[in-house]
Amino acid sequence: MPPVFAGSGGEKAVAIPPSTVDVAPAKGDQVAVLAGGCFWGMEAVFEQVKGVKSVTSGYAGGARGTASYAQVSTERTGHAEAVRITFDPRQVSYATLLRIYFSVAHDPTQLNRQTPDVGPSYRSAIFPQNPGQARVARAYIDQLDKSGAYGKPVATTVEQGAFYPAEAEHQDFARRNPAHPYIVRWDKPKVAALRAAYPRLVR
């Protein structure tokens, strides 16, 4: 039976192993930048995680001058919709955030899309903030591919690029618009999957 992703309308996470490597402990808050489809759902998931201080929706992978919703939606800017996660590594590690990302927040086997959104701005991509994160991200993708957890290859790329916050209307969208049809159909199941699969990680 193929895995059930939260974004497909189910409330189950894909069962994947934890990463065998992690970023070395560091003092102070750390930042992760992840892209996995519409940033509304990514934000909704990660703001529930213990140790996460803040989640900002935005754009990564393109230039500052094209970091706007209108321009990114043309699918010609190189940007991906992404979230910047500020977290306390003493409470939640980078590899743990990646496990949530790969198993709950989106379907990493979809190329340049996350149902129902299509285009490279909805691609699955990790934007490491330091060499340690890059090492862990690449190793985990390789580990997951070898595990056969998805039944098909992981499409997630590891990329470089600055992060630019999105417009105010996109921040905390799911929290401010819980009855929005898109949130109800695609994002609430992801949050439910997070709570079911990782109850100890939820605040």
Protein backbone atom coordinates (compact mmCIF):
# COMPACT_ATOMS: atom_id res chain seq x y z
CA MET A 1 0.00 0.00 0.00
CA PRO A 2 1.50 3.40 -0.96
CA PRO A 3 2.24 5.94 1.77
CA VAL A 4 -0.48 8.36 2.78
CA PHE A 5 0.60 12.00 2.89
CA ALA A 6 -1.27 14.46 5.04
CA GLY A 7 -1.58 16.78 2.07
CA SER A 8 -3.51 14.17 0.12
CA GLY A 9 -6.43 14.59 2.45
CA GLY A 10 -5.52 11.88 4.94
CA GLU A 11 -4.45 12.42 8.51
CA LYS A 12 -1.45 10.11 8.52
CA ALA A 13 2.23 10.85 8.23
CA VAL A 14 4.56 8.75 6.13
CA ALA A 15 6.51 6.42 8.41
CA ILE A 16 10.16 7.30 7.86
CA PRO A 17 13.24 6.66 9.98
CA PRO A 18 14.92 9.48 11.87
CA SER A 19 18.07 10.88 10.31
CA THR A 20 21.24 9.05 11.26
CA VAL A 21 23.12 12.36 11.37
CA ASP A 22 22.32 15.75 12.86
CA VAL A 23 23.78 19.22 13.12
CA ALA A 24 26.21 19.64 16.00
CA PRO A 25 24.70 21.43 19.01
CA ALA A 26 25.11 25.20 18.97
CA LYS A 27 24.36 28.02 21.34
CA GLY A 28 21.48 30.35 20.65
CA ASP A 29 18.55 30.14 18.27
CA GLN A 30 19.09 28.63 14.83
CA VAL A 31 17.32 29.09 11.49
CA ALA A 32 16.05 26.57 8.94
CA VAL A 33 14.62 27.50 5.52
CA LEU A 34 12.40 24.89 3.87
CA ALA A 35 10.20 24.91 0.77
CA GLY A 36 7.43 22.39 0.25
CA GLY A 37 4.45 23.77 -1.61
CA CYS A 38 2.19 26.56 -0.42
CA PHE A 39 3.79 28.31 2.52
CA TRP A 40 0.47 28.52 4.37
CA GLY A 41 0.56 24.82 5.20
CA MET A 42 4.27 24.68 5.94
CA GLU A 43 3.84 27.54 8.39
CA ALA A 44 0.78 25.93 9.98
CA VAL A 45 2.70 22.72 10.67
CA PHE A 46 5.94 24.10 12.02
CA GLU A 47 4.41 26.71 14.30
CA GLN A 48 2.96 23.79 16.27
CA VAL A 49 6.36 22.26 17.04
CA LYS A 50 7.94 22.60 20.48
CA GLY A 51 11.14 24.59 20.33
CA VAL A 52 10.11 26.58 17.28
CA LYS A 53 10.23 30.27 18.15
CA SER A 54 8.75 31.70 14.95
CA VAL A 55 7.80 30.77 11.40
CA THR A 56 7.82 33.30 8.58
CA SER A 57 6.35 32.69 5.13
CA GLY A 58 8.38 33.97 2.20
CA TYR A 59 10.36 33.29 -0.94
CA ALA A 60 13.77 31.69 -1.46
CA GLY A 61 15.99 30.92 -4.41
CA GLY A 62 15.51 34.04 -6.49
CA ALA A 63 16.47 37.71 -6.41
CA ARG A 64 15.28 40.32 -3.93
CA GLY A 65 13.66 42.35 -6.70
CA THR A 66 11.27 39.54 -7.67
CA ALA A 67 10.34 38.43 -4.15
CA SER A 68 6.66 39.27 -4.34
CA TYR A 69 3.62 37.04 -4.64
CA ALA A 70 2.59 38.54 -7.98
CA GLN A 71 6.00 37.97 -9.54
CA VAL A 72 6.68 34.56 -7.98
CA SER A 73 3.31 33.36 -9.27
CA THR A 74 4.52 33.86 -12.84
CA GLU A 75 6.84 30.86 -12.25
CA ARG A 76 9.72 32.75 -13.87
CA THR A 77 11.59 34.14 -10.86
CA GLY A 78 13.42 31.06 -9.57
CA HIS A 79 11.83 31.56 -6.17
CA ALA A 80 10.12 28.84 -4.18
CA GLU A 81 7.46 29.53 -1.59
CA ALA A 82 9.30 28.78 1.63
CA VAL A 83 9.27 29.22 5.38
CA ARG A 84 12.00 30.50 7.67
CA ILE A 85 11.89 28.61 10.96
CA THR A 86 13.66 30.07 13.99
CA PHE A 87 14.16 27.32 16.56
CA ASP A 88 15.91 26.48 19.82
CA PRO A 89 18.23 23.53 19.07
CA ARG A 90 18.14 22.57 22.75
CA GLN A 91 14.47 21.69 22.31
CA VAL A 92 14.24 20.52 18.70
CA SER A 93 17.07 19.59 16.39
CA TYR A 94 17.51 20.40 12.71
CA ALA A 95 17.21 16.72 11.78
CA THR A 96 13.94 16.47 13.70
CA LEU A 97 12.56 19.41 11.76
CA LEU A 98 13.57 17.64 8.55
CA ARG A 99 11.80 14.47 9.65
CA ILE A 100 8.59 16.47 10.10
CA TYR A 101 9.20 18.19 6.77
CA PHE A 102 9.61 14.90 4.90
CA SER A 103 6.85 12.93 6.63
CA VAL A 104 4.10 15.44 7.40
CA ALA A 105 4.55 18.89 5.90
CA HIS A 106 4.56 17.89 2.23
CA ASP A 107 5.10 15.10 -0.30
CA PRO A 108 8.81 15.18 -1.21
CA THR A 109 8.33 12.90 -4.21
CA GLN A 110 6.34 15.46 -6.21
CA LEU A 111 8.44 17.40 -8.71
CA ASN A 112 7.68 21.12 -9.10
CA ARG A 113 4.28 20.81 -7.50
CA GLN A 114 2.32 20.04 -4.37
CA THR A 115 -1.20 19.00 -5.19
CA PRO A 116 -3.19 21.09 -6.08
CA ASP A 117 -0.47 23.69 -6.74
CA VAL A 118 1.70 23.30 -9.84
CA GLY A 119 4.91 25.05 -10.83
CA PRO A 120 8.53 25.40 -9.71
CA SER A 121 7.57 27.88 -7.00
CA TYR A 122 5.92 24.92 -5.25
CA ARG A 123 8.98 22.69 -5.47
CA SER A 124 10.42 20.67 -2.62
CA ALA A 125 13.70 22.34 -1.65
CA ILE A 126 15.94 22.84 1.35
CA PHE A 127 18.01 26.00 1.73
CA PRO A 128 20.75 25.19 4.27
CA GLN A 129 21.94 28.08 6.39
CA ASN A 130 25.37 26.59 7.07
CA PRO A 131 27.58 23.67 5.97
CA GLY A 132 26.32 21.47 8.80
CA GLN A 133 22.73 21.80 7.64
CA ALA A 134 23.75 21.09 4.05
CA ARG A 135 25.55 17.92 5.11
CA VAL A 136 22.59 16.67 7.14
CA ALA A 137 20.05 17.51 4.42
CA ARG A 138 21.95 15.67 1.69
CA ALA A 139 22.64 12.69 3.93
CA TYR A 140 18.99 12.40 4.95
CA ILE A 141 17.73 12.57 1.37
CA ASP A 142 20.15 9.77 0.48
CA GLN A 143 19.06 7.77 3.53
CA LEU A 144 15.38 8.14 2.68
CA ASP A 145 15.92 7.14 -0.93
CA LYS A 146 17.77 4.01 0.16
CA SER A 147 15.08 3.17 2.71
CA GLY A 148 12.40 2.95 0.00
CA ALA A 149 9.95 4.64 2.35
CA TYR A 150 8.07 6.38 -0.45
CA GLY A 151 8.23 3.77 -3.18
CA LYS A 152 9.71 6.37 -5.53
CA PRO A 153 12.61 8.81 -5.51
CA VAL A 154 12.76 11.90 -3.33
CA ALA A 155 12.54 15.01 -5.54
CA THR A 156 13.78 17.42 -2.88
CA THR A 157 16.73 19.58 -3.93
CA VAL A 158 19.34 21.22 -1.73
CA GLU A 159 19.81 24.79 -2.93
CA GLN A 160 21.40 28.12 -2.12
CA GLY A 161 19.65 31.45 -1.95
CA ALA A 162 18.51 34.17 0.40
CA PHE A 163 15.11 34.22 2.07
CA TYR A 164 12.73 37.17 1.67
CA PRO A 165 9.58 37.50 3.83
CA ALA A 166 6.25 37.43 2.03
CA GLU A 167 3.58 40.08 2.26
CA ALA A 168 1.77 40.58 5.57
CA GLU A 169 -1.41 39.00 4.21
CA HIS A 170 0.40 35.65 3.94
CA GLN A 171 1.79 35.58 7.48
CA ASP A 172 -0.05 33.33 9.98
CA PHE A 173 -2.61 32.72 7.26
CA ALA A 174 -3.93 29.40 8.54
CA ARG A 175 -4.23 30.70 12.09
CA ARG A 176 -6.08 33.82 10.95
CA ASN A 177 -8.26 32.02 8.39
CA PRO A 178 -9.11 28.60 9.87
CA ALA A 179 -12.29 28.25 7.81
CA HIS A 180 -10.67 29.11 4.47
CA PRO A 181 -11.51 26.25 2.04
CA TYR A 182 -7.85 25.73 1.08
CA ILE A 183 -6.79 25.52 4.72
CA VAL A 184 -9.59 23.11 5.58
CA ARG A 185 -8.91 20.84 2.59
CA TRP A 186 -5.12 20.79 2.45
CA ASP A 187 -3.53 22.16 5.61
CA LYS A 188 -5.62 21.13 8.60
CA PRO A 189 -4.98 17.45 7.75
CA LYS A 190 -1.23 18.14 7.92
CA VAL A 191 -1.52 19.59 11.40
CA ALA A 192 -3.67 16.63 12.43
CA ALA A 193 -1.04 14.27 11.03
CA LEU A 194 1.68 16.04 12.98
CA ARG A 195 -0.24 15.70 16.23
CA ALA A 196 -0.98 12.03 15.58
CA ALA A 197 2.51 11.03 14.49
CA TYR A 198 4.64 13.17 16.81
CA PRO A 199 2.58 14.01 19.92
CA ARG A 200 5.69 14.60 22.03
CA LEU A 201 6.94 17.23 19.60
CA VAL A 202 3.76 19.32 19.60
CA ARG A 203 3.44 22.28 21.92
